[in-house]
C-alpha atoms as a PDB file:
ATOM      1  CA  MET A   1     -25.734  94.825 -95.097  1.00  0.00           C
ATOM      2  CA  VAL A   2     -22.248  95.966 -96.097  1.00  0.00           C
ATOM      3  CA  ARG A   3     -20.910  95.305 -92.603  1.00  0.00           C
ATOM      4  CA  ALA A   4     -22.366  91.793 -92.626  1.00  0.00           C
ATOM      5  CA  LEU A   5     -20.742  91.067 -95.973  1.00  0.00           C
ATOM      6  CA  LEU A   6     -17.408  92.405 -94.758  1.00  0.00           C
ATOM      7  CA  ALA A   7     -17.636  90.286 -91.589  1.00  0.00           C
ATOM      8  CA  ALA A   8     -18.444  87.181 -93.599  1.00  0.00           C
ATOM      9  CA  LEU A   9     -15.548  87.916 -95.956  1.00  0.00           C
ATOM     10  CA  LEU A  10     -13.192  88.401 -92.989  1.00  0.00           C
ATOM     11  CA  LEU A  11     -14.247  85.100 -91.424  1.00  0.00           C
ATOM     12  CA  ALA A  12     -13.802  83.296 -94.722  1.00  0.00           C
ATOM     13  CA  THR A  13     -10.355  84.839 -95.143  1.00  0.00           C
ATOM     14  CA  LEU A  14      -9.349  83.821 -91.621  1.00  0.00           C
ATOM     15  CA  GLY A  15     -10.656  80.311 -92.213  1.00  0.00           C
ATOM     16  CA  VAL A  16      -8.639  79.885 -95.403  1.00  0.00           C
ATOM     17  CA  GLY A  17      -5.606  81.502 -93.807  1.00  0.00           C
ATOM     18  CA  SER A  18      -5.729  79.227 -90.785  1.00  0.00           C
ATOM     19  CA  ARG A  19      -5.511  76.240 -93.121  1.00  0.00           C
ATOM     20  CA  VAL A  20      -2.550  77.570 -95.067  1.00  0.00           C
ATOM     21  CA  VAL A  21      -0.479  79.861 -92.843  1.00  0.00           C
ATOM     22  CA  LEU A  22      -0.052  77.564 -89.806  1.00  0.00           C
ATOM     23  CA  PRO A  23       0.106  73.897 -90.771  1.00  0.00           C
ATOM     24  CA  VAL A  24       1.012  71.046 -88.438  1.00  0.00           C
ATOM     25  CA  GLU A  25       4.773  70.599 -88.655  1.00  0.00           C
ATOM     26  CA  GLN A  26       5.345  67.873 -86.075  1.00  0.00           C
ATOM     27  CA  ILE A  27       3.201  65.239 -84.337  1.00  0.00           C
ATOM     28  CA  GLU A  28       4.498  63.408 -81.283  1.00  0.00           C
ATOM     29  CA  VAL A  29       2.752  60.272 -79.989  1.00  0.00           C
ATOM     30  CA  VAL A  30       3.416  59.337 -76.365  1.00  0.00           C
ATOM     31  CA  GLY A  31       2.436  56.195 -74.474  1.00  0.00           C
ATOM     32  CA  ASN A  32       1.759  53.925 -77.450  1.00  0.00           C
ATOM     33  CA  LYS A  33       3.163  50.400 -77.372  1.00  0.00           C
ATOM     34  CA  GLN A  34       0.563  48.315 -79.186  1.00  0.00           C
ATOM     35  CA  LEU A  35      -0.551  50.938 -81.728  1.00  0.00           C
ATOM     36  CA  SER A  36       1.948  52.477 -84.137  1.00  0.00           C
ATOM     37  CA  SER A  37       2.266  56.234 -84.567  1.00  0.00           C
ATOM     38  CA  THR A  38       1.489  55.844 -88.266  1.00  0.00           C
ATOM     39  CA  HIS A  39      -1.757  54.002 -87.511  1.00  0.00           C
ATOM     40  CA  ILE A  40      -2.749  56.649 -84.961  1.00  0.00           C
ATOM     41  CA  GLN A  41      -2.202  59.490 -87.419  1.00  0.00           C
ATOM     42  CA  LYS A  42      -4.147  57.641 -90.100  1.00  0.00           C
ATOM     43  CA  ILE A  43      -7.301  56.998 -88.083  1.00  0.00           C
ATOM     44  CA  THR A  44      -7.350  60.458 -86.476  1.00  0.00           C
ATOM     45  CA  GLY A  45      -6.484  62.427 -89.603  1.00  0.00           C
ATOM     46  CA  LEU A  46      -3.876  64.351 -87.603  1.00  0.00           C
ATOM     47  CA  ARG A  47      -0.905  64.491 -89.958  1.00  0.00           C
ATOM     48  CA  PRO A  48       1.839  66.972 -90.808  1.00  0.00           C
ATOM     49  CA  GLY A  49       0.503  69.542 -93.226  1.00  0.00           C
ATOM     50  CA  GLU A  50      -2.991  69.580 -91.732  1.00  0.00           C
ATOM     51  CA  PRO A  51      -4.210  72.913 -90.264  1.00  0.00           C
ATOM     52  CA  TRP A  52      -2.841  73.269 -86.716  1.00  0.00           C
ATOM     53  CA  LEU A  53      -5.731  75.477 -85.577  1.00  0.00           C
ATOM     54  CA  TRP A  54      -8.236  72.903 -86.857  1.00  0.00           C
ATOM     55  CA  ALA A  55      -6.788  70.032 -84.831  1.00  0.00           C
ATOM     56  CA  TRP A  56      -9.509  69.476 -82.227  1.00  0.00           C
ATOM     57  CA  PRO A  57      -9.699  66.778 -79.501  1.00  0.00           C
ATOM     58  CA  PHE A  58     -12.800  65.207 -81.095  1.00  0.00           C
ATOM     59  CA  LYS A  59     -10.483  63.803 -83.769  1.00  0.00           C
ATOM     60  CA  LEU A  60      -9.211  61.353 -81.122  1.00  0.00           C
ATOM     61  CA  ARG A  61     -12.623  59.679 -80.746  1.00  0.00           C
ATOM     62  CA  PRO A  62     -11.821  56.876 -83.230  1.00  0.00           C
ATOM     63  CA  LEU A  63      -8.938  55.889 -80.965  1.00  0.00           C
ATOM     64  CA  LEU A  64     -11.327  55.223 -78.088  1.00  0.00           C
ATOM     65  CA  ASP A  65     -13.119  52.640 -80.228  1.00  0.00           C
ATOM     66  CA  ASN A  66      -9.958  50.537 -80.093  1.00  0.00           C
ATOM     67  CA  PRO A  67     -10.038  48.194 -77.051  1.00  0.00           C
ATOM     68  CA  TRP A  68      -6.324  48.753 -76.457  1.00  0.00           C
ATOM     69  CA  VAL A  69      -6.868  52.487 -75.796  1.00  0.00           C
ATOM     70  CA  LEU A  70      -7.932  53.417 -72.277  1.00  0.00           C
ATOM     71  CA  SER A  71      -7.632  57.186 -72.757  1.00  0.00           C
ATOM     72  CA  ALA A  72      -6.338  59.702 -75.304  1.00  0.00           C
ATOM     73  CA  THR A  73      -5.639  63.423 -74.980  1.00  0.00           C
ATOM     74  CA  LEU A  74      -4.430  66.065 -77.438  1.00  0.00           C
ATOM     75  CA  GLU A  75      -1.855  68.675 -76.429  1.00  0.00           C
ATOM     76  CA  ARG A  76      -0.437  71.725 -78.262  1.00  0.00           C
ATOM     77  CA  PRO A  77       3.079  72.232 -76.861  1.00  0.00           C
ATOM     78  CA  ALA A  78       3.928  74.947 -79.434  1.00  0.00           C
ATOM     79  CA  PRO A  79       2.525  76.486 -82.633  1.00  0.00           C
ATOM     80  CA  GLY A  80       2.664  73.907 -85.396  1.00  0.00           C
ATOM     81  CA  ARG A  81       3.261  71.026 -82.964  1.00  0.00           C
ATOM     82  CA  LEU A  82       0.817  68.438 -81.625  1.00  0.00           C
ATOM     83  CA  ARG A  83       1.246  65.784 -78.970  1.00  0.00           C
ATOM     84  CA  ILE A  84      -1.114  62.794 -78.684  1.00  0.00           C
ATOM     85  CA  VAL A  85      -0.901  61.191 -75.244  1.00  0.00           C
ATOM     86  CA  LEU A  86      -2.222  57.648 -75.014  1.00  0.00           C
ATOM     87  CA  GLN A  87      -2.830  55.370 -72.082  1.00  0.00           C
ATOM     88  CA  GLU A  88      -3.005  51.848 -73.428  1.00  0.00           C
ATOM     89  CA  ARG A  89      -4.392  48.817 -71.667  1.00  0.00           C
ATOM     90  CA  SER A  90      -2.070  45.968 -70.735  1.00  0.00           C
ATOM     91  CA  SER A  91      -2.708  42.247 -71.050  1.00  0.00           C
ATOM     92  CA  VAL A  92      -2.429  40.072 -67.927  1.00  0.00           C
ATOM     93  CA  ALA A  93      -3.484  36.772 -69.536  1.00  0.00           C
ATOM     94  CA  ASN A  94      -4.520  35.143 -72.783  1.00  0.00           C
ATOM     95  CA  ILE A  95      -7.994  33.721 -73.262  1.00  0.00           C
ATOM     96  CA  LEU A  96      -9.004  31.229 -75.945  1.00  0.00           C
ATOM     97  CA  LEU A  97     -12.301  32.051 -77.670  1.00  0.00           C
ATOM     98  CA  ASP A  98     -13.486  30.312 -80.843  1.00  0.00           C
ATOM     99  CA  ASN A  99      -9.913  29.169 -81.517  1.00  0.00           C
ATOM    100  CA  ARG A 100      -8.714  32.776 -81.234  1.00  0.00           C
ATOM    101  CA  ARG A 101      -6.168  33.793 -78.639  1.00  0.00           C
ATOM    102  CA  LEU A 102      -7.022  37.190 -77.152  1.00  0.00           C
ATOM    103  CA  GLY A 103      -5.514  39.257 -74.395  1.00  0.00           C
ATOM    104  CA  LEU A 104      -7.379  40.106 -71.197  1.00  0.00           C
ATOM    105  CA  SER A 105      -6.834  43.450 -69.480  1.00  0.00           C
ATOM    106  CA  PRO A 106      -7.096  44.050 -65.697  1.00  0.00           C
ATOM    107  CA  ASP A 107     -10.424  45.842 -66.268  1.00  0.00           C
ATOM    108  CA  GLY A 108     -11.897  42.876 -68.144  1.00  0.00           C
ATOM    109  CA  VAL A 109     -11.539  44.075 -71.743  1.00  0.00           C
ATOM    110  CA  LEU A 110     -10.692  41.539 -74.472  1.00  0.00           C
ATOM    111  CA  LEU A 111      -7.678  42.655 -76.514  1.00  0.00           C
ATOM    112  CA  PRO A 112      -7.103  41.502 -80.124  1.00  0.00           C
ATOM    113  CA  ASP A 113      -3.633  40.690 -81.450  1.00  0.00           C
ATOM    114  CA  ALA A 114      -2.211  40.355 -77.953  1.00  0.00           C
ATOM    115  CA  PRO A 115       1.239  38.770 -77.575  1.00  0.00           C
ATOM    116  CA  PRO A 116       1.260  35.166 -76.315  1.00  0.00           C
ATOM    117  CA  GLN A 117       1.466  34.920 -72.547  1.00  0.00           C
ATOM    118  CA  THR A 118       0.406  32.820 -69.595  1.00  0.00           C
ATOM    119  CA  PRO A 119      -1.845  31.967 -67.992  1.00  0.00           C
ATOM    120  CA  LEU A 120      -4.011  30.747 -70.846  1.00  0.00           C
ATOM    121  CA  LEU A 121      -7.694  30.798 -69.903  1.00  0.00           C
ATOM    122  CA  VAL A 122      -9.774  28.076 -71.518  1.00  0.00           C
ATOM    123  CA  GLY A 123     -13.250  26.771 -70.844  1.00  0.00           C
ATOM    124  CA  ARG A 124     -16.848  26.335 -71.855  1.00  0.00           C
ATOM    125  CA  GLY A 125     -19.982  28.367 -71.347  1.00  0.00           C
ATOM    126  CA  GLU A 126     -20.317  31.924 -70.142  1.00  0.00           C
ATOM    127  CA  ILE A 127     -16.974  33.592 -69.438  1.00  0.00           C
ATOM    128  CA  PRO A 128     -16.660  34.557 -65.741  1.00  0.00           C
ATOM    129  CA  LEU A 129     -14.244  37.419 -66.374  1.00  0.00           C
ATOM    130  CA  ASP A 130     -14.237  38.781 -62.824  1.00  0.00           C
ATOM    131  CA  ASP A 131     -13.514  35.354 -61.344  1.00  0.00           C
ATOM    132  CA  LEU A 132     -10.777  34.641 -63.868  1.00  0.00           C
ATOM    133  CA  LEU A 133      -9.079  37.962 -63.175  1.00  0.00           C
ATOM    134  CA  GLN A 134      -9.082  37.195 -59.458  1.00  0.00           C
ATOM    135  CA  LEU A 135      -7.513  33.801 -60.114  1.00  0.00           C
ATOM    136  CA  VAL A 136      -4.847  35.339 -62.373  1.00  0.00           C
ATOM    137  CA  GLN A 137      -3.913  37.642 -59.501  1.00  0.00           C
ATOM    138  CA  THR A 138      -4.064  34.866 -56.892  1.00  0.00           C
ATOM    139  CA  PHE A 139      -1.924  32.431 -58.896  1.00  0.00           C
ATOM    140  CA  PRO A 140       0.756  34.534 -60.669  1.00  0.00           C
ATOM    141  CA  GLY A 141       2.694  31.408 -61.636  1.00  0.00           C
ATOM    142  CA  ALA A 142      -0.223  29.615 -63.299  1.00  0.00           C
ATOM    143  CA  LYS A 143       0.267  28.355 -66.837  1.00  0.00           C
ATOM    144  CA  GLN A 144      -3.379  27.584 -67.534  1.00  0.00           C
ATOM    145  CA  ILE A 145      -6.725  28.203 -65.835  1.00  0.00           C
ATOM    146  CA  ARG A 146      -9.726  26.142 -66.913  1.00  0.00           C
ATOM    147  CA  TYR A 147     -13.328  27.020 -66.191  1.00  0.00           C
ATOM    148  CA  ASP A 148     -16.750  25.454 -66.634  1.00  0.00           C
ATOM    149  CA  VAL A 149     -20.055  25.387 -64.792  1.00  0.00           C
ATOM    150  CA  GLY A 150     -18.567  23.053 -62.174  1.00  0.00           C
ATOM    151  CA  GLY A 151     -15.630  25.177 -61.073  1.00  0.00           C
ATOM    152  CA  TYR A 152     -12.048  26.135 -61.848  1.00  0.00           C
ATOM    153  CA  GLN A 153      -8.803  24.252 -62.334  1.00  0.00           C
ATOM    154  CA  VAL A 154      -5.439  25.996 -61.994  1.00  0.00           C
ATOM    155  CA  LEU A 155      -2.413  24.370 -63.628  1.00  0.00           C
ATOM    156  CA  GLY A 156       1.242  25.260 -63.425  1.00  0.00           C
ATOM    157  CA  GLU A 157       4.638  23.953 -62.430  1.00  0.00           C
ATOM    158  CA  ARG A 158       3.983  21.649 -59.454  1.00  0.00           C
ATOM    159  CA  LEU A 159       0.479  23.085 -59.354  1.00  0.00           C
ATOM    160  CA  ASN A 160      -2.779  21.304 -60.156  1.00  0.00           C
ATOM    161  CA  VAL A 161      -5.706  22.403 -58.043  1.00  0.00           C
ATOM    162  CA  TRP A 162      -9.460  22.462 -58.593  1.00  0.00           C
ATOM    163  CA  GLY A 163     -12.158  24.348 -56.713  1.00  0.00           C
ATOM    164  CA  ARG A 164     -15.819  25.088 -57.105  1.00  0.00           C
ATOM    165  CA  SER A 165     -15.392  28.778 -56.276  1.00  0.00           C
ATOM    166  CA  VAL A 166     -12.754  31.477 -56.418  1.00  0.00           C
ATOM    167  CA  LYS A 167     -12.933  32.000 -52.657  1.00  0.00           C
ATOM    168  CA  GLU A 168     -12.125  28.360 -51.923  1.00  0.00           C
ATOM    169  CA  LEU A 169      -9.108  28.542 -54.201  1.00  0.00           C
ATOM    170  CA  GLN A 170      -8.013  31.852 -52.711  1.00  0.00           C
ATOM    171  CA  ASP A 171      -8.242  30.429 -49.195  1.00  0.00           C
ATOM    172  CA  TRP A 172      -6.199  27.403 -50.272  1.00  0.00           C
ATOM    173  CA  ALA A 173      -3.587  29.641 -51.925  1.00  0.00           C
ATOM    174  CA  LYS A 174      -3.354  31.754 -48.789  1.00  0.00           C
ATOM    175  CA  VAL A 175      -2.699  28.683 -46.639  1.00  0.00           C
ATOM    176  CA  ARG A 176      -0.100  27.447 -49.134  1.00  0.00           C
ATOM    177  CA  ARG A 177       1.416  30.959 -49.324  1.00  0.00           C
ATOM    178  CA  ILE A 178       0.976  31.177 -53.085  1.00  0.00           C
ATOM    179  CA  GLY A 179       0.962  34.700 -54.417  1.00  0.00           C
ATOM    180  CA  LYS A 180       2.954  37.797 -55.233  1.00  0.00           C
ATOM    181  CA  SER A 181       3.640  38.585 -51.589  1.00  0.00           C
ATOM    182  CA  ASP A 182       5.573  35.345 -51.131  1.00  0.00           C
ATOM    183  CA  ALA A 183       9.214  35.740 -52.119  1.00  0.00           C
ATOM    184  CA  SER A 184       9.996  32.057 -51.659  1.00  0.00           C
ATOM    185  CA  PRO A 185       9.251  29.351 -54.272  1.00  0.00           C
ATOM    186  CA  VAL A 186       5.666  28.163 -54.547  1.00  0.00           C
ATOM    187  CA  LEU A 187       4.881  25.763 -51.726  1.00  0.00           C
ATOM    188  CA  ALA A 188       2.927  23.024 -53.384  1.00  0.00           C
ATOM    189  CA  HIS A 189       0.455  20.798 -51.663  1.00  0.00           C
ATOM    190  CA  PRO A 190       2.021  17.361 -51.087  1.00  0.00           C
ATOM    191  CA  ALA A 191      -0.284  15.963 -53.762  1.00  0.00           C
ATOM    192  CA  VAL A 192       0.538  18.640 -56.328  1.00  0.00           C
ATOM    193  CA  GLY A 193       2.663  17.182 -59.067  1.00  0.00           C
ATOM    194  CA  SER A 194       1.104  13.746 -58.648  1.00  0.00           C
ATOM    195  CA  ASP A 195      -1.081  12.085 -61.252  1.00  0.00           C
ATOM    196  CA  GLY A 196      -4.211  13.881 -60.111  1.00  0.00           C
ATOM    197  CA  PRO A 197      -5.220  17.338 -58.935  1.00  0.00           C
ATOM    198  CA  VAL A 198      -5.934  18.652 -55.488  1.00  0.00           C
ATOM    199  CA  TYR A 199      -9.658  19.174 -54.936  1.00  0.00           C
ATOM    200  CA  VAL A 200     -10.523  22.102 -52.704  1.00  0.00           C
ATOM    201  CA  TYR A 201     -13.879  22.187 -50.918  1.00  0.00           C
ATOM    202  CA  SER A 202     -15.348  24.412 -48.255  1.00  0.00           C
ATOM    203  CA  TRP A 203     -14.992  21.554 -45.762  1.00  0.00           C
ATOM    204  CA  GLY A 204     -11.417  20.581 -46.654  1.00  0.00           C
ATOM    205  CA  VAL A 205      -9.029  19.293 -49.270  1.00  0.00           C
ATOM    206  CA  SER A 206      -8.732  15.956 -51.013  1.00  0.00           C
ATOM    207  CA  ALA A 207      -6.137  14.653 -53.466  1.00  0.00           C
ATOM    208  CA  ARG A 208      -6.271  11.973 -56.129  1.00  0.00           C
ATOM    209  CA  ARG A 209      -3.145  10.116 -57.179  1.00  0.00           C
END
C-alpha cells in the first residue's frame, strides 16, 4: 500500500514538474502560406509557455479539418522547441458557387478565401470536378470555363471553343497544339476570335461567325 502511494505521488510530481520545468520556448511553423502562424498556434493550443513534454501530434488534428491543409506533422528539434510542418494545398482555378468565389485544388478540394485567379469556372447543375480539372490542365491560358448538362465552353484570348465532352476538347487542343508543352503562342482555330465559338464534335469541327 505504501509503495503504491509513493508511486502515485512520484507520478503526480513528475506530471506537475513536466508542466513547469520544461515549457515550450519557441514554435516554428514551416510550409504555411495561406494560414498564419498565429492562427495555427491558436487552433492547436501549441504556444510558448505550454508544457513541451505534453505537446503531442494529436493536437494537430484541428488543422486537418481545414481544407487548405493537406498534411501536418509535429517535430521536436530540441528541448523546449517545436516545429510544425505543413503541406498546404494550392489553388489552380476559381469556381463560382452561390455567388461565392472559391479556389479549386488539383485534388478536387474547394478552398475558401482563395486569391482571385483564372480560369473562373462557372455553370449550372452538378459540378463535374474531375472534368473541370482536366480542362484547366488542357487549356492553361483559359480565362473562363463554363459547364452545363450539354457540355463545356472554354474562353480565353483568341479562344472560344465548345465541346460535349472533355475528350473531344482535349483532342481538339492536341491538334491545335494548345497546352503547357507548346512553347509557341496559342494557335487558334481560324474561327476563334470571331463572333461565335468553335463547336467540337466527335465527327469534326464547325464554326459560327
